C-alpha atoms as a PDB file:
ATOM      1  CA  MET A   1       0.000   0.000   0.000  1.00  0.00           C
ATOM      2  CA  VAL A   2       2.881   2.374   0.786  1.00  0.00           C
ATOM      3  CA  VAL A   3       4.399   1.748  -2.655  1.00  0.00           C
ATOM      4  CA  VAL A   4       1.104   2.703  -4.319  1.00  0.00           C
ATOM      5  CA  LEU A   5       1.001   5.845  -2.192  1.00  0.00           C
ATOM      6  CA  ASP A   6       4.572   6.699  -3.249  1.00  0.00           C
ATOM      7  CA  VAL A   7       3.723   6.253  -6.929  1.00  0.00           C
ATOM      8  CA  VAL A   8       0.622   8.441  -6.586  1.00  0.00           C
ATOM      9  CA  THR A   9       2.688  11.058  -4.762  1.00  0.00           C
ATOM     10  CA  LEU A  10       5.241  11.022  -7.564  1.00  0.00           C
ATOM     11  CA  GLY A  11       2.473  11.442 -10.142  1.00  0.00           C
ATOM     12  CA  VAL A  12       0.939  14.402  -8.309  1.00  0.00           C
ATOM     13  CA  LEU A  13       4.411  15.878  -7.902  1.00  0.00           C
ATOM     14  CA  PHE A  14       4.906  15.604 -11.656  1.00  0.00           C
ATOM     15  CA  PHE A  15       1.754  17.639 -12.305  1.00  0.00           C
ATOM     16  CA  ALA A  16       2.871  20.234  -9.745  1.00  0.00           C
ATOM     17  CA  ALA A  17       6.232  20.416 -11.557  1.00  0.00           C
ATOM     18  CA  VAL A  18       4.533  21.003 -14.894  1.00  0.00           C
ATOM     19  CA  GLU A  19       2.491  23.820 -13.379  1.00  0.00           C
ATOM     20  CA  ASP A  20       5.603  25.271 -11.737  1.00  0.00           C
ATOM     21  CA  PHE A  21       7.495  25.079 -15.020  1.00  0.00           C
ATOM     22  CA  LYS A  22       4.732  26.794 -17.002  1.00  0.00           C
ATOM     23  CA  LYS A  23       3.594  29.492 -14.563  1.00  0.00           C
ATOM     24  CA  MET A  24       6.286  29.683 -11.848  1.00  0.00           C
ATOM     25  CA  GLN A  25       3.383  29.216  -9.426  1.00  0.00           C
ATOM     26  CA  VAL A  26       1.760  26.171  -7.874  1.00  0.00           C
ATOM     27  CA  ARG A  27      -1.805  26.037  -6.572  1.00  0.00           C
ATOM     28  CA  ASN A  28      -2.389  25.367  -2.877  1.00  0.00           C
ATOM     29  CA  LEU A  29      -4.174  22.159  -3.845  1.00  0.00           C
ATOM     30  CA  TYR A  30      -0.849  20.368  -4.247  1.00  0.00           C
ATOM     31  CA  PRO A  31       0.538  20.932  -0.720  1.00  0.00           C
ATOM     32  CA  ALA A  32      -2.869  19.889   0.658  1.00  0.00           C
ATOM     33  CA  LEU A  33      -2.743  16.661  -1.369  1.00  0.00           C
ATOM     34  CA  PHE A  34       0.805  15.942  -0.193  1.00  0.00           C
ATOM     35  CA  LEU A  35      -0.146  16.552   3.420  1.00  0.00           C
ATOM     36  CA  PHE A  36      -3.143  14.235   3.086  1.00  0.00           C
ATOM     37  CA  GLY A  37      -0.950  11.539   1.502  1.00  0.00           C
ATOM     38  CA  SER A  38       1.703  12.016   4.164  1.00  0.00           C
ATOM     39  CA  LEU A  39      -0.836  11.591   6.952  1.00  0.00           C
ATOM     40  CA  ILE A  40      -2.059   8.373   5.340  1.00  0.00           C
ATOM     41  CA  ARG A  41       1.549   7.175   5.114  1.00  0.00           C
ATOM     42  CA  VAL A  42       2.127   7.983   8.796  1.00  0.00           C
ATOM     43  CA  ALA A  43      -1.015   6.026   9.697  1.00  0.00           C
ATOM     44  CA  LEU A  44       0.214   3.037   7.690  1.00  0.00           C
ATOM     45  CA  THR A  45       3.887   2.981   8.721  1.00  0.00           C
ATOM     46  CA  ARG A  46       3.634   4.349  12.277  1.00  0.00           C
ATOM     47  CA  PRO A  47       7.121   5.933  12.473  1.00  0.00           C
ATOM     48  CA  PRO A  48       8.566   6.923  15.866  1.00  0.00           C
ATOM     49  CA  PHE A  49       6.893  10.110  17.075  1.00  0.00           C
ATOM     50  CA  PRO A  50      10.054  12.248  17.448  1.00  0.00           C
ATOM     51  CA  MET A  51      11.164  11.414  13.918  1.00  0.00           C
ATOM     52  CA  ALA A  52       7.715  12.074  12.488  1.00  0.00           C
ATOM     53  CA  VAL A  53       7.533  15.504  14.137  1.00  0.00           C
ATOM     54  CA  LEU A  54      11.090  16.810  14.394  1.00  0.00           C
ATOM     55  CA  SER A  55      12.232  16.136  10.839  1.00  0.00           C
ATOM     56  CA  PRO A  56       9.373  18.089   9.186  1.00  0.00           C
ATOM     57  CA  LEU A  57       9.794  20.950  11.664  1.00  0.00           C
ATOM     58  CA  LEU A  58      13.530  21.122  11.068  1.00  0.00           C
ATOM     59  CA  LEU A  59      13.045  20.977   7.312  1.00  0.00           C
ATOM     60  CA  PHE A  60      10.422  23.734   7.466  1.00  0.00           C
ATOM     61  CA  GLY A  61      12.801  25.891   9.518  1.00  0.00           C
ATOM     62  CA  VAL A  62      15.635  25.478   7.028  1.00  0.00           C
ATOM     63  CA  LEU A  63      13.407  26.120   4.016  1.00  0.00           C
ATOM     64  CA  TYR A  64      11.759  29.090   5.730  1.00  0.00           C
ATOM     65  CA  VAL A  65      15.145  30.770   6.066  1.00  0.00           C
ATOM     66  CA  PHE A  66      15.811  30.256   2.340  1.00  0.00           C
ATOM     67  CA  TRP A  67      12.309  31.542   1.496  1.00  0.00           C
ATOM     68  CA  ASN A  68      12.814  34.594   3.702  1.00  0.00           C
ATOM     69  CA  PHE A  69      15.929  35.544   1.714  1.00  0.00           C
ATOM     70  CA  GLY A  70      14.207  34.923  -1.629  1.00  0.00           C
ATOM     71  CA  GLY A  71      16.110  31.765  -2.491  1.00  0.00           C
ATOM     72  CA  ILE A  72      13.095  29.484  -2.759  1.00  0.00           C
ATOM     73  CA  GLY A  73       9.382  29.932  -3.408  1.00  0.00           C
ATOM     74  CA  GLY A  74       6.599  29.547  -0.904  1.00  0.00           C
ATOM     75  CA  ALA A  75       5.022  26.640  -2.768  1.00  0.00           C
ATOM     76  CA  ASP A  76       8.339  24.795  -2.637  1.00  0.00           C
ATOM     77  CA  VAL A  77       8.422  25.213   1.136  1.00  0.00           C
ATOM     78  CA  LYS A  78       4.818  24.045   1.518  1.00  0.00           C
ATOM     79  CA  ILE A  79       5.204  21.020  -0.758  1.00  0.00           C
ATOM     80  CA  LEU A  80       8.487  19.824   0.754  1.00  0.00           C
ATOM     81  CA  SER A  81       7.219  20.363   4.305  1.00  0.00           C
ATOM     82  CA  ALA A  82       4.032  18.426   3.565  1.00  0.00           C
ATOM     83  CA  MET A  83       6.053  15.612   2.014  1.00  0.00           C
ATOM     84  CA  ALA A  84       8.361  15.563   5.059  1.00  0.00           C
ATOM     85  CA  VAL A  85       5.496  14.620   7.364  1.00  0.00           C
ATOM     86  CA  GLY A  86       5.216  11.197   5.748  1.00  0.00           C
ATOM     87  CA  ASP A  87       8.783  10.748   4.579  1.00  0.00           C
ATOM     88  CA  ALA A  88      10.618  11.900   7.738  1.00  0.00           C
ATOM     89  CA  MET A  89      14.345  11.342   7.118  1.00  0.00           C
ATOM     90  CA  GLY A  90      13.976  10.377   3.445  1.00  0.00           C
ATOM     91  CA  ILE A  91      12.995  13.946   2.580  1.00  0.00           C
ATOM     92  CA  TRP A  92      16.560  15.063   3.273  1.00  0.00           C
ATOM     93  CA  PHE A  93      17.849  12.736   0.541  1.00  0.00           C
ATOM     94  CA  THR A  94      15.184  14.105  -1.794  1.00  0.00           C
ATOM     95  CA  LEU A  95      16.141  17.683  -0.937  1.00  0.00           C
ATOM     96  CA  VAL A  96      19.873  17.145  -1.454  1.00  0.00           C
ATOM     97  CA  VAL A  97      19.341  15.477  -4.839  1.00  0.00           C
ATOM     98  CA  ALA A  98      16.877  18.213  -5.843  1.00  0.00           C
ATOM     99  CA  CYS A  99      19.385  20.919  -4.919  1.00  0.00           C
ATOM    100  CA  VAL A 100      22.153  19.258  -6.933  1.00  0.00           C
ATOM    101  CA  VAL A 101      19.851  18.875  -9.953  1.00  0.00           C
ATOM    102  CA  PHE A 102      18.670  22.480  -9.592  1.00  0.00           C
ATOM    103  CA  ILE A 103      22.222  23.829  -9.432  1.00  0.00           C
ATOM    104  CA  CYS A 104      23.220  21.783 -12.486  1.00  0.00           C
ATOM    105  CA  TYR A 105      20.372  22.937 -14.675  1.00  0.00           C
ATOM    106  CA  SER A 106      20.663  26.552 -13.521  1.00  0.00           C
ATOM    107  CA  LEU A 107      24.328  26.493 -14.502  1.00  0.00           C
ATOM    108  CA  LEU A 108      23.537  24.819 -17.821  1.00  0.00           C
ATOM    109  CA  LEU A 109      20.897  27.443 -18.575  1.00  0.00           C
ATOM    110  CA  ARG A 110      23.279  30.141 -17.301  1.00  0.00           C
ATOM    111  CA  LYS A 111      20.489  31.684 -15.256  1.00  0.00           C
ATOM    112  CA  THR A 112      22.032  31.836 -11.815  1.00  0.00           C
ATOM    113  CA  ARG A 113      20.302  35.085 -10.781  1.00  0.00           C
ATOM    114  CA  GLN A 114      16.911  34.570 -12.431  1.00  0.00           C
ATOM    115  CA  PRO A 115      14.041  32.647 -10.863  1.00  0.00           C
ATOM    116  CA  LEU A 116      13.729  29.066 -12.043  1.00  0.00           C
ATOM    117  CA  PRO A 117      11.173  26.397 -11.094  1.00  0.00           C
ATOM    118  CA  PHE A 118      12.382  24.157  -8.275  1.00  0.00           C
ATOM    119  CA  ILE A 119       9.633  21.517  -8.239  1.00  0.00           C
ATOM    120  CA  PRO A 120      10.969  19.769 -11.398  1.00  0.00           C
ATOM    121  CA  ALA A 121      14.194  19.178  -9.484  1.00  0.00           C
ATOM    122  CA  VAL A 122      12.161  17.878  -6.538  1.00  0.00           C
ATOM    123  CA  VAL A 123      10.576  15.326  -8.893  1.00  0.00           C
ATOM    124  CA  VAL A 124      14.040  14.000  -9.732  1.00  0.00           C
ATOM    125  CA  GLY A 125      14.968  13.967  -6.044  1.00  0.00           C
ATOM    126  CA  ALA A 126      11.763  12.146  -5.101  1.00  0.00           C
ATOM    127  CA  LEU A 127      12.298   9.618  -7.862  1.00  0.00           C
ATOM    128  CA  GLY A 128      15.842   9.062  -6.628  1.00  0.00           C
ATOM    129  CA  GLY A 129      14.553   8.691  -3.083  1.00  0.00           C
ATOM    130  CA  LEU A 130      11.941   6.209  -4.220  1.00  0.00           C
ATOM    131  CA  LEU A 131      14.510   4.125  -6.098  1.00  0.00           C
ATOM    132  CA  PHE A 132      17.530   4.369  -3.776  1.00  0.00           C
ATOM    133  CA  TRP A 133      16.346   5.295  -0.276  1.00  0.00           C
END
């Protein structure tokens, strides 16, 4: 059941990435869907309480700092924080891979100071987390 939930999450994340790529904005529906899926995952896997609470809070704190300085969008913070509720420590792997992918394609496009969509990189990170984590 968890594998099906992961595949559905990846599919929804793909649609959020397409919207982010086209408009540089993501509707609030997507973070709500990720939070709902994460809560279902928590109910199914029953992770230890400190890990289920502290990892999303820490991730939100880190991403909030980057958002406050204009380095990341608000939808990125909401989506990654909602995903962290169900993924706990695996979200850090997803975030690191997404950051590496984002840096690579921003350097390839030579747009280091212009806003670029981050959710497509999160899709790659989530796919890597699904396959390797």
